[in-house]
Each structure stands twice: as structure tokens, then as C-alpha cells.
Amino acid sequence: MKSRTPVVVRRGLADLGEHLRTWRRLNGVTQQLLAERAGVSVPTLRTVESGGSVSTDSLARILRALGVLDTVVAAVDPMNSDVGRLRAGQRLPERVRTPRPR
């Protein structure tokens, strides 16, 4: 059974979709043209712009076609955060495991 999407995630997706719609309009590009440039269908683009969920591949294609993929990737780079820079010297574990109950 699929779990419900948390409210904060739905809001984030809605905001992201609105921002992408604004970028598209600022660039004077129709949904049809952006979908073609991104290699996705118009319904997929509409889903993103309305805050729905799509594959990360489709989202990345749309971000790239809008010219903002690098900015989004940089926004989640741990080295662009205080925490990431503070822990940069630490050795990262190969895998993070759930502790076994004792």
C-alpha cells in the first residue's frame, strides 16, 4: 500500500511547480515547446507545474530545458551548507545501517 504524501511535501511540490511555470513564462515558452525541448509529454509537464509527482528523470529534463538544473543541483550540494562544510573532513560511512535491537 502506498503511503500518503505528507502535507509539507505536497506544498513543496506545489511551490516547485509554480516556480517552474513562472520560469517557463518568463522565458516566453509554451508548454508544448518546453515539453518538446525537455523530451517529456505535455501531460507530464502539466503534472509538474501543478505540483504532482513525476520521475526524477522527467523533472531533471524539465529543469535542464529551463536552464536551472545546475542551480537546483548546487542548492542540494552538502558543501554549500554550514553542516556539510563542518563535516567535510569526516569519513563518511560506506552504508548507513539501522541498529540491531539488543
C-alpha atoms as a PDB file:
ATOM      1  CA  MET A   1       0.000   0.000   0.000  1.00  0.00           C
ATOM      2  CA  LYS A   2       1.314   3.420  -0.949  1.00  0.00           C
ATOM      3  CA  SER A   3       1.661   5.912   1.882  1.00  0.00           C
ATOM      4  CA  ARG A   4       0.053   9.345   1.712  1.00  0.00           C
ATOM      5  CA  THR A   5       2.290  12.209   0.717  1.00  0.00           C
ATOM      6  CA  PRO A   6       2.963  14.455   3.730  1.00  0.00           C
ATOM      7  CA  VAL A   7       1.411  17.922   3.585  1.00  0.00           C
ATOM      8  CA  VAL A   8       4.794  19.664   3.707  1.00  0.00           C
ATOM      9  CA  VAL A   9       5.939  17.629   0.692  1.00  0.00           C
ATOM     10  CA  ARG A  10       2.750  18.436  -1.237  1.00  0.00           C
ATOM     11  CA  ARG A  11       3.283  22.136  -0.507  1.00  0.00           C
ATOM     12  CA  GLY A  12       6.898  21.906  -1.651  1.00  0.00           C
ATOM     13  CA  LEU A  13       5.870  20.224  -4.898  1.00  0.00           C
ATOM     14  CA  ALA A  14       3.185  22.865  -5.472  1.00  0.00           C
ATOM     15  CA  ASP A  15       5.716  25.656  -4.898  1.00  0.00           C
ATOM     16  CA  LEU A  16       8.263  23.966  -7.169  1.00  0.00           C
ATOM     17  CA  GLY A  17       5.648  23.566  -9.895  1.00  0.00           C
ATOM     18  CA  GLU A  18       4.642  27.217  -9.622  1.00  0.00           C
ATOM     19  CA  HIS A  19       8.271  28.323  -9.799  1.00  0.00           C
ATOM     20  CA  LEU A  20       8.882  26.204 -12.892  1.00  0.00           C
ATOM     21  CA  ARG A  21       5.722  27.554 -14.523  1.00  0.00           C
ATOM     22  CA  THR A  22       6.978  31.088 -13.798  1.00  0.00           C
ATOM     23  CA  TRP A  23      10.406  30.285 -15.312  1.00  0.00           C
ATOM     24  CA  ARG A  24       8.676  28.932 -18.419  1.00  0.00           C
ATOM     25  CA  ARG A  25       6.538  32.053 -18.760  1.00  0.00           C
ATOM     26  CA  LEU A  26       9.477  34.399 -18.100  1.00  0.00           C
ATOM     27  CA  ASN A  27      11.246  32.704 -20.994  1.00  0.00           C
ATOM     28  CA  GLY A  28       8.161  33.097 -23.208  1.00  0.00           C
ATOM     29  CA  VAL A  29       7.934  29.354 -23.840  1.00  0.00           C
ATOM     30  CA  THR A  30       4.713  27.405 -24.317  1.00  0.00           C
ATOM     31  CA  GLN A  31       4.073  24.127 -22.526  1.00  0.00           C
ATOM     32  CA  GLN A  32       4.230  22.355 -25.893  1.00  0.00           C
ATOM     33  CA  LEU A  33       7.640  23.797 -26.760  1.00  0.00           C
ATOM     34  CA  LEU A  34       9.128  23.178 -23.306  1.00  0.00           C
ATOM     35  CA  ALA A  35       7.841  19.598 -23.311  1.00  0.00           C
ATOM     36  CA  GLU A  36       9.475  19.042 -26.709  1.00  0.00           C
ATOM     37  CA  ARG A  37      12.774  20.591 -25.577  1.00  0.00           C
ATOM     38  CA  ALA A  38      12.728  18.504 -22.398  1.00  0.00           C
ATOM     39  CA  GLY A  39      11.745  15.287 -24.156  1.00  0.00           C
ATOM     40  CA  VAL A  40       8.662  14.787 -21.991  1.00  0.00           C
ATOM     41  CA  SER A  41       4.951  14.805 -22.769  1.00  0.00           C
ATOM     42  CA  VAL A  42       2.779  17.865 -22.255  1.00  0.00           C
ATOM     43  CA  PRO A  43       0.724  15.985 -19.609  1.00  0.00           C
ATOM     44  CA  THR A  44       3.957  15.264 -17.696  1.00  0.00           C
ATOM     45  CA  LEU A  45       4.891  18.946 -17.805  1.00  0.00           C
ATOM     46  CA  ARG A  46       1.398  19.902 -16.646  1.00  0.00           C
ATOM     47  CA  THR A  47       1.719  17.425 -13.769  1.00  0.00           C
ATOM     48  CA  VAL A  48       4.963  19.059 -12.655  1.00  0.00           C
ATOM     49  CA  GLU A  49       3.560  22.571 -12.970  1.00  0.00           C
ATOM     50  CA  SER A  50       0.503  21.602 -10.922  1.00  0.00           C
ATOM     51  CA  GLY A  51       2.597  20.117  -8.114  1.00  0.00           C
ATOM     52  CA  GLY A  52       2.175  16.462  -8.974  1.00  0.00           C
ATOM     53  CA  SER A  53       4.850  13.827  -8.840  1.00  0.00           C
ATOM     54  CA  VAL A  54       6.796  12.555 -11.838  1.00  0.00           C
ATOM     55  CA  SER A  55      10.033  10.629 -12.258  1.00  0.00           C
ATOM     56  CA  THR A  56      13.243  12.352 -11.270  1.00  0.00           C
ATOM     57  CA  ASP A  57      14.407  11.876 -14.860  1.00  0.00           C
ATOM     58  CA  SER A  58      11.445  13.874 -16.195  1.00  0.00           C
ATOM     59  CA  LEU A  59      11.923  16.577 -13.580  1.00  0.00           C
ATOM     60  CA  ALA A  60      15.642  16.862 -14.373  1.00  0.00           C
ATOM     61  CA  ARG A  61      14.884  17.094 -18.099  1.00  0.00           C
ATOM     62  CA  ILE A  62      12.458  19.957 -17.474  1.00  0.00           C
ATOM     63  CA  LEU A  63      14.929  21.753 -15.184  1.00  0.00           C
ATOM     64  CA  ARG A  64      17.638  21.376 -17.839  1.00  0.00           C
ATOM     65  CA  ALA A  65      15.375  22.694 -20.610  1.00  0.00           C
ATOM     66  CA  LEU A  66      14.611  25.735 -18.444  1.00  0.00           C
ATOM     67  CA  GLY A  67      18.320  26.277 -17.770  1.00  0.00           C
ATOM     68  CA  VAL A  68      18.072  25.846 -13.995  1.00  0.00           C
ATOM     69  CA  LEU A  69      19.289  22.265 -13.477  1.00  0.00           C
ATOM     70  CA  ASP A  70      22.760  23.355 -12.337  1.00  0.00           C
ATOM     71  CA  THR A  71      21.252  25.789  -9.838  1.00  0.00           C
ATOM     72  CA  VAL A  72      18.995  23.109  -8.347  1.00  0.00           C
ATOM     73  CA  VAL A  73      21.858  20.606  -8.121  1.00  0.00           C
ATOM     74  CA  ALA A  74      24.039  23.230  -6.414  1.00  0.00           C
ATOM     75  CA  ALA A  75      21.219  24.003  -3.963  1.00  0.00           C
ATOM     76  CA  VAL A  76      21.356  20.467  -2.550  1.00  0.00           C
ATOM     77  CA  ASP A  77      25.159  20.177  -2.520  1.00  0.00           C
ATOM     78  CA  PRO A  78      26.143  19.489   1.110  1.00  0.00           C
ATOM     79  CA  MET A  79      29.267  21.597   0.671  1.00  0.00           C
ATOM     80  CA  ASN A  80      27.019  24.617   0.134  1.00  0.00           C
ATOM     81  CA  SER A  81      25.773  24.299   3.721  1.00  0.00           C
ATOM     82  CA  ASP A  82      27.347  25.016   7.088  1.00  0.00           C
ATOM     83  CA  VAL A  83      26.737  21.437   8.224  1.00  0.00           C
ATOM     84  CA  GLY A  84      28.332  19.993   5.086  1.00  0.00           C
ATOM     85  CA  ARG A  85      31.402  22.185   5.405  1.00  0.00           C
ATOM     86  CA  LEU A  86      31.760  21.422   9.128  1.00  0.00           C
ATOM     87  CA  ARG A  87      31.632  17.679   8.490  1.00  0.00           C
ATOM     88  CA  ALA A  88      33.637  17.709   5.267  1.00  0.00           C
ATOM     89  CA  GLY A  89      36.698  16.247   6.980  1.00  0.00           C
ATOM     90  CA  GLN A  90      34.821  13.334   8.484  1.00  0.00           C
ATOM     91  CA  ARG A  91      34.982   9.942   6.869  1.00  0.00           C
ATOM     92  CA  LEU A  92      31.538   9.087   5.535  1.00  0.00           C
ATOM     93  CA  PRO A  93      30.291   5.557   6.137  1.00  0.00           C
ATOM     94  CA  GLU A  94      30.017   3.269   3.121  1.00  0.00           C
ATOM     95  CA  ARG A  95      26.472   2.396   4.224  1.00  0.00           C
ATOM     96  CA  VAL A  96      24.176   3.636   6.935  1.00  0.00           C
ATOM     97  CA  ARG A  97      22.512   0.758   8.734  1.00  0.00           C
ATOM     98  CA  THR A  98      19.667   0.543  11.190  1.00  0.00           C
ATOM     99  CA  PRO A  99      20.983  -0.500  14.601  1.00  0.00           C
ATOM    100  CA  ARG A 100      20.040  -4.025  15.636  1.00  0.00           C
ATOM    101  CA  PRO A 101      17.830  -4.338  18.701  1.00  0.00           C
ATOM    102  CA  ARG A 102      19.599  -5.860  21.702  1.00  0.00           C
END
